[in-house]
C-alpha atoms as a PDB file:
ATOM      1  CA  MET A   1     124.102  85.945  96.344  1.00  0.00           C
ATOM      2  CA  ASN A   2     124.369  84.257  99.762  1.00  0.00           C
ATOM      3  CA  GLU A   3     122.963  87.030 101.891  1.00  0.00           C
ATOM      4  CA  CYS A   4     120.302  89.703 101.544  1.00  0.00           C
ATOM      5  CA  HIS A   5     120.886  92.306 104.249  1.00  0.00           C
ATOM      6  CA  LEU A   6     117.267  93.510 104.063  1.00  0.00           C
ATOM      7  CA  GLN A   7     115.953  90.197 105.361  1.00  0.00           C
ATOM      8  CA  ALA A   8     116.265  88.980 108.926  1.00  0.00           C
ATOM      9  CA  GLU A   9     117.343  85.421 109.499  1.00  0.00           C
ATOM     10  CA  PRO A  10     116.293  82.715 109.002  1.00  0.00           C
ATOM     11  CA  SER A  11     115.100  84.101 105.641  1.00  0.00           C
ATOM     12  CA  ASN A  12     118.466  83.794 103.881  1.00  0.00           C
ATOM     13  CA  GLY A  13     119.048  80.324 105.238  1.00  0.00           C
ATOM     14  CA  ILE A  14     115.593  79.158 104.149  1.00  0.00           C
ATOM     15  CA  ARG A  15     115.947  80.264 100.551  1.00  0.00           C
ATOM     16  CA  LEU A  16     119.461  78.816 100.266  1.00  0.00           C
ATOM     17  CA  ALA A  17     118.303  75.496 101.744  1.00  0.00           C
ATOM     18  CA  LEU A  18     115.465  75.336  99.215  1.00  0.00           C
ATOM     19  CA  LYS A  19     117.876  76.005  96.379  1.00  0.00           C
ATOM     20  CA  ASP A  20     120.262  73.341  97.656  1.00  0.00           C
ATOM     21  CA  GLU A  21     117.504  70.724  98.038  1.00  0.00           C
ATOM     22  CA  ALA A  22     116.097  71.479  94.593  1.00  0.00           C
ATOM     23  CA  LEU A  23     119.497  71.104  92.947  1.00  0.00           C
ATOM     24  CA  LYS A  24     120.193  67.917  94.896  1.00  0.00           C
ATOM     25  CA  HIS A  25     117.043  66.220  93.569  1.00  0.00           C
ATOM     26  CA  ASP A  26     116.971  67.846  90.092  1.00  0.00           C
ATOM     27  CA  ILE A  27     113.757  69.714  90.883  1.00  0.00           C
ATOM     28  CA  PRO A  28     113.387  72.237  88.032  1.00  0.00           C
ATOM     29  CA  PHE A  29     113.042  75.929  88.774  1.00  0.00           C
ATOM     30  CA  PHE A  30     110.194  77.759  87.051  1.00  0.00           C
ATOM     31  CA  ASP A  31     111.068  79.858  83.988  1.00  0.00           C
ATOM     32  CA  LEU A  32     108.541  82.700  83.826  1.00  0.00           C
ATOM     33  CA  ARG A  33     109.245  83.466  80.165  1.00  0.00           C
ATOM     34  CA  LYS A  34     109.086  79.892  78.920  1.00  0.00           C
ATOM     35  CA  GLN A  35     106.359  78.922  81.420  1.00  0.00           C
ATOM     36  CA  VAL A  36     108.069  75.631  82.313  1.00  0.00           C
ATOM     37  CA  GLY A  37     109.465  74.236  85.564  1.00  0.00           C
ATOM     38  CA  PHE A  38     108.166  73.385  89.038  1.00  0.00           C
ATOM     39  CA  LEU A  39     109.582  75.550  91.859  1.00  0.00           C
ATOM     40  CA  ARG A  40     108.192  79.072  91.420  1.00  0.00           C
ATOM     41  CA  THR A  41     108.649  81.222  94.524  1.00  0.00           C
ATOM     42  CA  VAL A  42     108.908  81.107  98.293  1.00  0.00           C
ATOM     43  CA  THR A  43     107.243  83.707 100.509  1.00  0.00           C
ATOM     44  CA  ILE A  44     108.761  84.060 103.990  1.00  0.00           C
ATOM     45  CA  ARG A  45     106.909  86.044 106.661  1.00  0.00           C
ATOM     46  CA  THR A  46     108.623  86.665 109.984  1.00  0.00           C
ATOM     47  CA  ALA A  47     106.971  88.030 113.135  1.00  0.00           C
ATOM     48  CA  ILE A  48     108.729  90.288 115.620  1.00  0.00           C
ATOM     49  CA  ARG A  49     108.750  87.565 118.296  1.00  0.00           C
ATOM     50  CA  GLY A  50     110.247  84.907 116.060  1.00  0.00           C
ATOM     51  CA  GLU A  51     107.358  83.070 114.383  1.00  0.00           C
ATOM     52  CA  VAL A  52     107.998  82.240 110.728  1.00  0.00           C
ATOM     53  CA  MET A  53     105.580  81.376 107.909  1.00  0.00           C
ATOM     54  CA  VAL A  54     106.778  79.768 104.667  1.00  0.00           C
ATOM     55  CA  ILE A  55     104.563  79.631 101.572  1.00  0.00           C
ATOM     56  CA  LEU A  56     106.051  77.478  98.808  1.00  0.00           C
ATOM     57  CA  GLN A  57     104.626  78.156  95.356  1.00  0.00           C
ATOM     58  CA  VAL A  58     104.845  75.388  92.748  1.00  0.00           C
ATOM     59  CA  THR A  59     103.440  74.967  89.253  1.00  0.00           C
ATOM     60  CA  TYR A  60     101.742  71.584  89.509  1.00  0.00           C
ATOM     61  CA  ASP A  61     100.770  68.889  91.997  1.00  0.00           C
ATOM     62  CA  LYS A  62     103.778  66.682  92.696  1.00  0.00           C
ATOM     63  CA  MET A  63     103.723  65.980  96.416  1.00  0.00           C
ATOM     64  CA  GLU A  64     106.963  64.000  96.549  1.00  0.00           C
ATOM     65  CA  TRP A  65     108.847  67.165  95.599  1.00  0.00           C
ATOM     66  CA  VAL A  66     106.808  69.371  97.933  1.00  0.00           C
ATOM     67  CA  ASP A  67     107.487  66.905 100.767  1.00  0.00           C
ATOM     68  CA  LEU A  68     111.220  66.835 100.017  1.00  0.00           C
ATOM     69  CA  LEU A  69     111.517  70.623 100.061  1.00  0.00           C
ATOM     70  CA  LEU A  70     109.375  71.310 103.110  1.00  0.00           C
ATOM     71  CA  SER A  71     110.830  68.374 105.076  1.00  0.00           C
ATOM     72  CA  ARG A  72     114.272  69.890 104.598  1.00  0.00           C
ATOM     73  CA  LEU A  73     113.035  73.202 106.006  1.00  0.00           C
ATOM     74  CA  GLU A  74     111.303  71.484 108.920  1.00  0.00           C
ATOM     75  CA  ARG A  75     114.511  69.682 109.808  1.00  0.00           C
ATOM     76  CA  ASP A  76     116.863  72.648 109.491  1.00  0.00           C
ATOM     77  CA  PHE A  77     114.682  75.537 110.745  1.00  0.00           C
ATOM     78  CA  PRO A  78     112.723  74.819 113.948  1.00  0.00           C
ATOM     79  CA  ALA A  79     111.658  78.503 114.077  1.00  0.00           C
ATOM     80  CA  ILE A  80     109.197  77.873 111.226  1.00  0.00           C
ATOM     81  CA  THR A  81     105.736  77.602 112.768  1.00  0.00           C
ATOM     82  CA  SER A  82     103.651  77.590 109.575  1.00  0.00           C
ATOM     83  CA  PHE A  83     104.368  75.497 106.466  1.00  0.00           C
ATOM     84  CA  MET A  84     102.125  76.107 103.442  1.00  0.00           C
ATOM     85  CA  TYR A  85     102.167  75.562  99.714  1.00  0.00           C
ATOM     86  CA  VAL A  86     100.116  76.677  96.738  1.00  0.00           C
ATOM     87  CA  ILE A  87      99.770  75.103  93.301  1.00  0.00           C
ATOM     88  CA  ASN A  88      99.818  77.853  90.696  1.00  0.00           C
ATOM     89  CA  GLY A  89      99.545  76.969  87.030  1.00  0.00           C
ATOM     90  CA  LYS A  90      98.858  80.566  85.983  1.00  0.00           C
ATOM     91  CA  LYS A  91     101.174  82.780  83.978  1.00  0.00           C
ATOM     92  CA  ASN A  92     101.880  85.036  86.968  1.00  0.00           C
ATOM     93  CA  ASP A  93     102.890  84.465  90.596  1.00  0.00           C
ATOM     94  CA  THR A  94      99.919  86.080  92.352  1.00  0.00           C
ATOM     95  CA  PHE A  95      98.017  83.664  94.566  1.00  0.00           C
ATOM     96  CA  ALA A  96      95.283  85.745  96.228  1.00  0.00           C
ATOM     97  CA  ASP A  97      92.720  83.861  94.138  1.00  0.00           C
ATOM     98  CA  LEU A  98      94.217  80.400  94.767  1.00  0.00           C
ATOM     99  CA  ASN A  99      93.799  77.801  97.483  1.00  0.00           C
ATOM    100  CA  ILE A 100      96.586  77.852 100.093  1.00  0.00           C
ATOM    101  CA  ARG A 101      97.260  74.370 101.440  1.00  0.00           C
ATOM    102  CA  SER A 102      98.589  73.752 104.925  1.00  0.00           C
ATOM    103  CA  TRP A 103     101.413  71.201 105.087  1.00  0.00           C
ATOM    104  CA  LYS A 104     102.203  71.458 108.804  1.00  0.00           C
ATOM    105  CA  GLY A 105     101.909  73.931 111.655  1.00  0.00           C
ATOM    106  CA  ASN A 106      99.597  76.899 112.195  1.00  0.00           C
ATOM    107  CA  SER A 107      97.570  78.648 109.500  1.00  0.00           C
ATOM    108  CA  PHE A 108      98.852  82.028 110.717  1.00  0.00           C
ATOM    109  CA  ILE A 109     101.638  83.839 112.518  1.00  0.00           C
ATOM    110  CA  THR A 110     100.968  86.311 115.332  1.00  0.00           C
ATOM    111  CA  GLU A 111     102.475  89.783 115.219  1.00  0.00           C
ATOM    112  CA  HIS A 112     102.691  92.042 118.279  1.00  0.00           C
ATOM    113  CA  MET A 113     102.577  95.829 118.409  1.00  0.00           C
ATOM    114  CA  PRO A 114     102.267  98.427 121.192  1.00  0.00           C
ATOM    115  CA  SER A 115      98.911 100.194 121.246  1.00  0.00           C
ATOM    116  CA  ALA A 116      98.627 103.870 120.310  1.00  0.00           C
ATOM    117  CA  ASP A 117      98.663 104.913 123.976  1.00  0.00           C
ATOM    118  CA  GLY A 118     101.463 102.473 124.810  1.00  0.00           C
ATOM    119  CA  LEU A 119      99.486 100.919 127.659  1.00  0.00           C
ATOM    120  CA  THR A 120      98.841  97.536 126.059  1.00  0.00           C
ATOM    121  CA  THR A 121     100.260  95.245 123.393  1.00  0.00           C
ATOM    122  CA  LEU A 122      98.048  94.417 120.445  1.00  0.00           C
ATOM    123  CA  GLN A 123      98.164  91.031 118.748  1.00  0.00           C
ATOM    124  CA  PHE A 124      97.535  90.503 115.043  1.00  0.00           C
ATOM    125  CA  ARG A 125      97.045  87.109 113.472  1.00  0.00           C
ATOM    126  CA  VAL A 126      98.350  87.240 109.910  1.00  0.00           C
ATOM    127  CA  GLY A 127      97.267  84.611 107.396  1.00  0.00           C
ATOM    128  CA  PRO A 128      98.969  83.704 104.095  1.00  0.00           C
ATOM    129  CA  LYS A 129      96.773  86.052 102.032  1.00  0.00           C
ATOM    130  CA  SER A 130      96.644  88.904 104.526  1.00  0.00           C
ATOM    131  CA  PHE A 131      98.599  92.110 104.103  1.00  0.00           C
ATOM    132  CA  TYR A 132     100.885  93.153 106.933  1.00  0.00           C
ATOM    133  CA  GLN A 133     103.806  95.561 106.704  1.00  0.00           C
ATOM    134  CA  THR A 134     107.064  93.701 106.050  1.00  0.00           C
ATOM    135  CA  ASN A 135     109.021  95.906 108.470  1.00  0.00           C
ATOM    136  CA  SER A 136     107.339  95.187 111.818  1.00  0.00           C
ATOM    137  CA  VAL A 137     109.296  97.738 113.855  1.00  0.00           C
ATOM    138  CA  GLN A 138     108.670 100.585 111.440  1.00  0.00           C
ATOM    139  CA  ALA A 139     105.039  99.507 111.017  1.00  0.00           C
ATOM    140  CA  HIS A 140     104.397 100.713 114.563  1.00  0.00           C
ATOM    141  CA  ARG A 141     106.095 104.018 113.763  1.00  0.00           C
ATOM    142  CA  LEU A 142     104.024 104.352 110.590  1.00  0.00           C
ATOM    143  CA  TYR A 143     100.733 103.746 112.372  1.00  0.00           C
ATOM    144  CA  GLN A 144     101.709 106.114 115.180  1.00  0.00           C
ATOM    145  CA  VAL A 145     102.343 108.854 112.617  1.00  0.00           C
ATOM    146  CA  ALA A 146      98.932 108.200 111.042  1.00  0.00           C
ATOM    147  CA  PHE A 147      97.300 108.190 114.476  1.00  0.00           C
ATOM    148  CA  ASP A 148      98.936 111.487 115.481  1.00  0.00           C
ATOM    149  CA  MET A 149      97.925 113.136 112.196  1.00  0.00           C
ATOM    150  CA  ALA A 150      94.292 112.096 112.706  1.00  0.00           C
ATOM    151  CA  LYS A 151      94.063 114.226 115.884  1.00  0.00           C
ATOM    152  CA  PHE A 152      91.320 112.103 117.403  1.00  0.00           C
ATOM    153  CA  GLN A 153      89.164 113.589 120.153  1.00  0.00           C
ATOM    154  CA  GLY A 154      87.346 110.366 121.046  1.00  0.00           C
ATOM    155  CA  HIS A 155      83.947 110.942 119.407  1.00  0.00           C
ATOM    156  CA  GLU A 156      84.882 110.079 115.837  1.00  0.00           C
ATOM    157  CA  LEU A 157      83.373 107.571 113.441  1.00  0.00           C
ATOM    158  CA  VAL A 158      86.356 106.396 111.396  1.00  0.00           C
ATOM    159  CA  TYR A 159      86.421 104.623 108.044  1.00  0.00           C
ATOM    160  CA  ASP A 160      89.612 102.625 107.451  1.00  0.00           C
ATOM    161  CA  LEU A 161      89.865 101.944 103.717  1.00  0.00           C
ATOM    162  CA  TYR A 162      92.016  99.047 102.465  1.00  0.00           C
ATOM    163  CA  THR A 163      92.169  97.835 106.062  1.00  0.00           C
ATOM    164  CA  GLY A 164      93.963  94.538 105.346  1.00  0.00           C
ATOM    165  CA  THR A 165      94.046  92.530 108.581  1.00  0.00           C
ATOM    166  CA  GLY A 166      92.636  95.516 110.450  1.00  0.00           C
ATOM    167  CA  THR A 167      95.968  96.703 111.826  1.00  0.00           C
ATOM    168  CA  ILE A 168      95.282 100.442 111.592  1.00  0.00           C
ATOM    169  CA  ALA A 169      91.607  99.983 112.513  1.00  0.00           C
ATOM    170  CA  ASN A 170      92.423  98.047 115.663  1.00  0.00           C
ATOM    171  CA  PHE A 171      95.353 100.351 116.441  1.00  0.00           C
ATOM    172  CA  VAL A 172      93.099 103.428 116.618  1.00  0.00           C
ATOM    173  CA  ALA A 173      89.916 101.774 117.942  1.00  0.00           C
ATOM    174  CA  SER A 174      90.552 102.523 121.622  1.00  0.00           C
ATOM    175  CA  ARG A 175      90.659 106.279 120.937  1.00  0.00           C
ATOM    176  CA  VAL A 176      87.559 106.684 118.741  1.00  0.00           C
ATOM    177  CA  ARG A 177      83.818 106.005 118.986  1.00  0.00           C
ATOM    178  CA  LYS A 178      83.765 103.433 116.196  1.00  0.00           C
ATOM    179  CA  VAL A 179      85.911 102.263 113.289  1.00  0.00           C
ATOM    180  CA  VAL A 180      84.627 100.652 110.070  1.00  0.00           C
ATOM    181  CA  GLY A 181      87.175  98.750 107.958  1.00  0.00           C
ATOM    182  CA  LEU A 182      86.787  97.998 104.246  1.00  0.00           C
ATOM    183  CA  GLU A 183      88.961  95.549 102.305  1.00  0.00           C
ATOM    184  CA  TYR A 184      88.653  93.653  99.017  1.00  0.00           C
ATOM    185  CA  VAL A 185      90.269  90.380 100.224  1.00  0.00           C
ATOM    186  CA  PRO A 186      87.687  88.336 102.180  1.00  0.00           C
ATOM    187  CA  ALA A 187      90.357  86.269 103.981  1.00  0.00           C
ATOM    188  CA  ALA A 188      91.951  89.470 105.284  1.00  0.00           C
ATOM    189  CA  ILE A 189      88.579  90.669 106.600  1.00  0.00           C
ATOM    190  CA  GLU A 190      88.194  87.423 108.535  1.00  0.00           C
ATOM    191  CA  ASP A 191      91.645  88.047 110.030  1.00  0.00           C
ATOM    192  CA  ALA A 192      90.615  91.619 110.896  1.00  0.00           C
ATOM    193  CA  LYS A 193      87.515  90.382 112.730  1.00  0.00           C
ATOM    194  CA  ASN A 194      89.560  87.752 114.553  1.00  0.00           C
ATOM    195  CA  ASN A 195      92.113  90.401 115.524  1.00  0.00           C
ATOM    196  CA  SER A 196      89.404  92.576 117.069  1.00  0.00           C
ATOM    197  CA  ARG A 197      88.162  89.598 119.088  1.00  0.00           C
ATOM    198  CA  LEU A 198      91.726  88.668 120.042  1.00  0.00           C
ATOM    199  CA  ASN A 199      92.278  92.173 121.437  1.00  0.00           C
ATOM    200  CA  ASN A 200      88.804  92.486 123.000  1.00  0.00           C
ATOM    201  CA  ILE A 201      87.929  95.383 120.672  1.00  0.00           C
ATOM    202  CA  ARG A 202      84.171  95.794 120.381  1.00  0.00           C
ATOM    203  CA  ASN A 203      83.744  99.034 118.465  1.00  0.00           C
ATOM    204  CA  SER A 204      84.917  97.805 115.061  1.00  0.00           C
ATOM    205  CA  ASP A 205      83.077  96.462 112.005  1.00  0.00           C
ATOM    206  CA  PHE A 206      84.663  95.046 108.865  1.00  0.00           C
ATOM    207  CA  TYR A 207      83.282  94.550 105.358  1.00  0.00           C
ATOM    208  CA  ALA A 208      84.725  92.735 102.335  1.00  0.00           C
ATOM    209  CA  GLY A 209      84.291  93.805  98.718  1.00  0.00           C
ATOM    210  CA  ASP A 210      85.747  95.921  95.943  1.00  0.00           C
ATOM    211  CA  ILE A 211      85.929  99.290  97.659  1.00  0.00           C
ATOM    212  CA  LYS A 212      84.810 101.248  94.595  1.00  0.00           C
ATOM    213  CA  ASP A 213      81.598  99.192  94.709  1.00  0.00           C
ATOM    214  CA  LEU A 214      81.313  98.845  98.490  1.00  0.00           C
ATOM    215  CA  LEU A 215      81.705 102.513  99.401  1.00  0.00           C
ATOM    216  CA  ASP A 216      78.552 104.076  97.971  1.00  0.00           C
ATOM    217  CA  ASP A 217      75.596 106.192  99.077  1.00  0.00           C
ATOM    218  CA  GLU A 218      73.825 103.188 100.551  1.00  0.00           C
ATOM    219  CA  PHE A 219      76.869 102.272 102.638  1.00  0.00           C
ATOM    220  CA  LEU A 220      77.138 105.830 103.971  1.00  0.00           C
ATOM    221  CA  GLN A 221      73.456 105.891 104.808  1.00  0.00           C
ATOM    222  CA  GLU A 222      73.671 102.583 106.653  1.00  0.00           C
ATOM    223  CA  HIS A 223      76.885 103.187 108.590  1.00  0.00           C
ATOM    224  CA  GLY A 224      76.964 106.963 108.915  1.00  0.00           C
ATOM    225  CA  ARG A 225      79.088 109.765 107.520  1.00  0.00           C
ATOM    226  CA  PRO A 226      82.665 109.355 108.737  1.00  0.00           C
ATOM    227  CA  ASP A 227      84.331 112.089 110.750  1.00  0.00           C
ATOM    228  CA  THR A 228      87.737 110.771 109.672  1.00  0.00           C
ATOM    229  CA  ILE A 229      88.890 108.555 106.812  1.00  0.00           C
ATOM    230  CA  ILE A 230      92.194 106.706 106.932  1.00  0.00           C
ATOM    231  CA  THR A 231      93.161 105.170 103.614  1.00  0.00           C
ATOM    232  CA  ASP A 232      96.132 102.897 102.898  1.00  0.00           C
ATOM    233  CA  PRO A 233      95.695 101.630  99.320  1.00  0.00           C
ATOM    234  CA  PRO A 234      98.028  99.371  97.299  1.00  0.00           C
ATOM    235  CA  ARG A 235     100.679 100.812  94.993  1.00  0.00           C
ATOM    236  CA  ALA A 236      98.112 101.558  92.274  1.00  0.00           C
ATOM    237  CA  GLY A 237      96.467 104.053  94.630  1.00  0.00           C
ATOM    238  CA  MET A 238      92.728 104.580  94.884  1.00  0.00           C
ATOM    239  CA  HIS A 239      90.264 104.095  92.051  1.00  0.00           C
ATOM    240  CA  GLU A 240      88.924 107.489  90.992  1.00  0.00           C
ATOM    241  CA  ASP A 241      85.419 106.388  92.009  1.00  0.00           C
ATOM    242  CA  VAL A 242      86.691 105.855  95.567  1.00  0.00           C
ATOM    243  CA  THR A 243      88.364 109.273  95.602  1.00  0.00           C
ATOM    244  CA  ARG A 244      85.163 110.930  94.385  1.00  0.00           C
ATOM    245  CA  MET A 245      83.125 109.043  96.982  1.00  0.00           C
ATOM    246  CA  ILE A 246      85.448 110.307  99.729  1.00  0.00           C
ATOM    247  CA  LEU A 247      84.698 113.847  98.549  1.00  0.00           C
ATOM    248  CA  LYS A 248      80.993 113.038  98.720  1.00  0.00           C
ATOM    249  CA  ALA A 249      81.324 111.516 102.219  1.00  0.00           C
ATOM    250  CA  ALA A 250      82.973 114.800 103.286  1.00  0.00           C
ATOM    251  CA  PRO A 251      84.903 113.709 106.397  1.00  0.00           C
ATOM    252  CA  ASP A 252      86.479 116.461 108.486  1.00  0.00           C
ATOM    253  CA  ARG A 253      89.929 114.868 108.160  1.00  0.00           C
ATOM    254  CA  ILE A 254      91.663 112.397 105.841  1.00  0.00           C
ATOM    255  CA  VAL A 255      94.900 110.562 106.579  1.00  0.00           C
ATOM    256  CA  TYR A 256      96.358 109.036 103.419  1.00  0.00           C
ATOM    257  CA  VAL A 257      99.074 106.391 103.851  1.00  0.00           C
ATOM    258  CA  SER A 258     100.836 105.398 100.638  1.00  0.00           C
ATOM    259  CA  CYS A 259     103.675 103.159  99.479  1.00  0.00           C
ATOM    260  CA  ASN A 260     103.710 104.973  96.136  1.00  0.00           C
ATOM    261  CA  PRO A 261     103.958 108.780  96.373  1.00  0.00           C
ATOM    262  CA  ALA A 262     103.306 109.096  92.621  1.00  0.00           C
ATOM    263  CA  THR A 263      99.795 107.612  92.734  1.00  0.00           C
ATOM    264  CA  GLN A 264      99.228 109.337  96.059  1.00  0.00           C
ATOM    265  CA  ALA A 265      99.949 112.696  94.405  1.00  0.00           C
ATOM    266  CA  ARG A 266      97.458 111.851  91.652  1.00  0.00           C
ATOM    267  CA  ASP A 267      94.732 111.122  94.213  1.00  0.00           C
ATOM    268  CA  LEU A 268      95.591 114.176  96.311  1.00  0.00           C
ATOM    269  CA  LYS A 269      95.053 116.378  93.267  1.00  0.00           C
ATOM    270  CA  ILE A 270      91.415 115.232  93.176  1.00  0.00           C
ATOM    271  CA  LEU A 271      90.979 115.544  96.936  1.00  0.00           C
ATOM    272  CA  SER A 272      92.395 119.081  96.805  1.00  0.00           C
ATOM    273  CA  GLU A 273      89.005 120.222  95.448  1.00  0.00           C
ATOM    274  CA  ARG A 274      87.776 120.287  99.068  1.00  0.00           C
ATOM    275  CA  TYR A 275      90.806 119.521 101.240  1.00  0.00           C
ATOM    276  CA  ALA A 276      94.058 121.238 102.114  1.00  0.00           C
ATOM    277  CA  ILE A 277      97.253 119.357 102.895  1.00  0.00           C
ATOM    278  CA  GLU A 278      98.141 119.977 106.519  1.00  0.00           C
ATOM    279  CA  ALA A 279     101.165 117.710 107.025  1.00  0.00           C
ATOM    280  CA  VAL A 280     103.417 115.304 105.114  1.00  0.00           C
ATOM    281  CA  GLN A 281     105.643 112.698 106.778  1.00  0.00           C
ATOM    282  CA  PRO A 282     107.631 110.017 104.931  1.00  0.00           C
ATOM    283  CA  VAL A 283     108.490 106.871 106.927  1.00  0.00           C
ATOM    284  CA  ASP A 284     111.452 104.724 105.871  1.00  0.00           C
ATOM    285  CA  MET A 285     110.025 101.200 105.725  1.00  0.00           C
ATOM    286  CA  PHE A 286     112.560  99.813 103.246  1.00  0.00           C
ATOM    287  CA  PRO A 287     116.150 100.637 104.298  1.00  0.00           C
ATOM    288  CA  HIS A 288     118.771 100.978 101.543  1.00  0.00           C
ATOM    289  CA  THR A 289     116.098 101.336  98.850  1.00  0.00           C
ATOM    290  CA  MET A 290     114.386 104.302  97.203  1.00  0.00           C
ATOM    291  CA  HIS A 291     110.996 103.280  98.619  1.00  0.00           C
ATOM    292  CA  VAL A 292     109.188 104.957 101.512  1.00  0.00           C
ATOM    293  CA  GLU A 293     105.713 105.022 102.993  1.00  0.00           C
ATOM    294  CA  ASN A 294     104.340 108.544 102.848  1.00  0.00           C
ATOM    295  CA  VAL A 295     101.660 109.835 105.210  1.00  0.00           C
ATOM    296  CA  VAL A 296      99.635 112.933 104.354  1.00  0.00           C
ATOM    297  CA  ALA A 297      97.073 114.646 106.593  1.00  0.00           C
ATOM    298  CA  LEU A 298      94.278 116.610 104.941  1.00  0.00           C
ATOM    299  CA  ALA A 299      91.721 118.917 106.537  1.00  0.00           C
ATOM    300  CA  ALA A 300      88.455 120.137 105.050  1.00  0.00           C
ATOM    301  CA  ARG A 301      88.690 123.666 103.680  1.00  0.00           C
END
């Protein structure tokens, strides 16, 4: 396959160049079943204004091969602004718990997005471990849908669960009293704090930790009962303890953003004890696939 139509260039060119360079120098590709080989994966992140991050994942420390591969990309793709690699000897390709090494360039790319009121442009620095929607154009549409469903009046204390790099939190901050973001990846929380500073947002706080442990009675007592909760969990959905704690926090409104409607439906069944579904809006983030992001607004009964 020479072209994936779901990826903007230079993504196709980058992966083909890596394949060509690996074959040229007999660099072995990693076999997940046999657990042998060197070149595992490449992660390519592209920003709407052209910045590109490449994260090369290899099995063991052999810098002459890393240098060969990344030097080829540096020569052929001047749009790449961030070159990184990670040594992963585990049996799976996840690297959230591993050290990301910078080879050349910046340690982040900067994404841009219009604010909720359209008067300014927000900037988001995205690091190698930080979550940001892969479809930048539709990400703005998704967050606008969530914002509209929240029906903010300006006085609200908002909890943003699974905040990632603080995109939703910073997107809504100008229209609420305060927003508190929670996220289990510490590096993403640092990005979220930096993004608030970058956009001169002063009514946001961010906290790192496993949300089922972080969001408890003590947290509510310290930070206040939220008027609105926005939650955007990973595909596995929310832990039941988190869902039960949301019921205990008793916000007036909940906006649930999900990339997996099946686990979202499971969580909504629990939330239906005290909340009624007011609106449902799918957003097509992944063209030509079966996947959507689904946004649901809930109001207290």
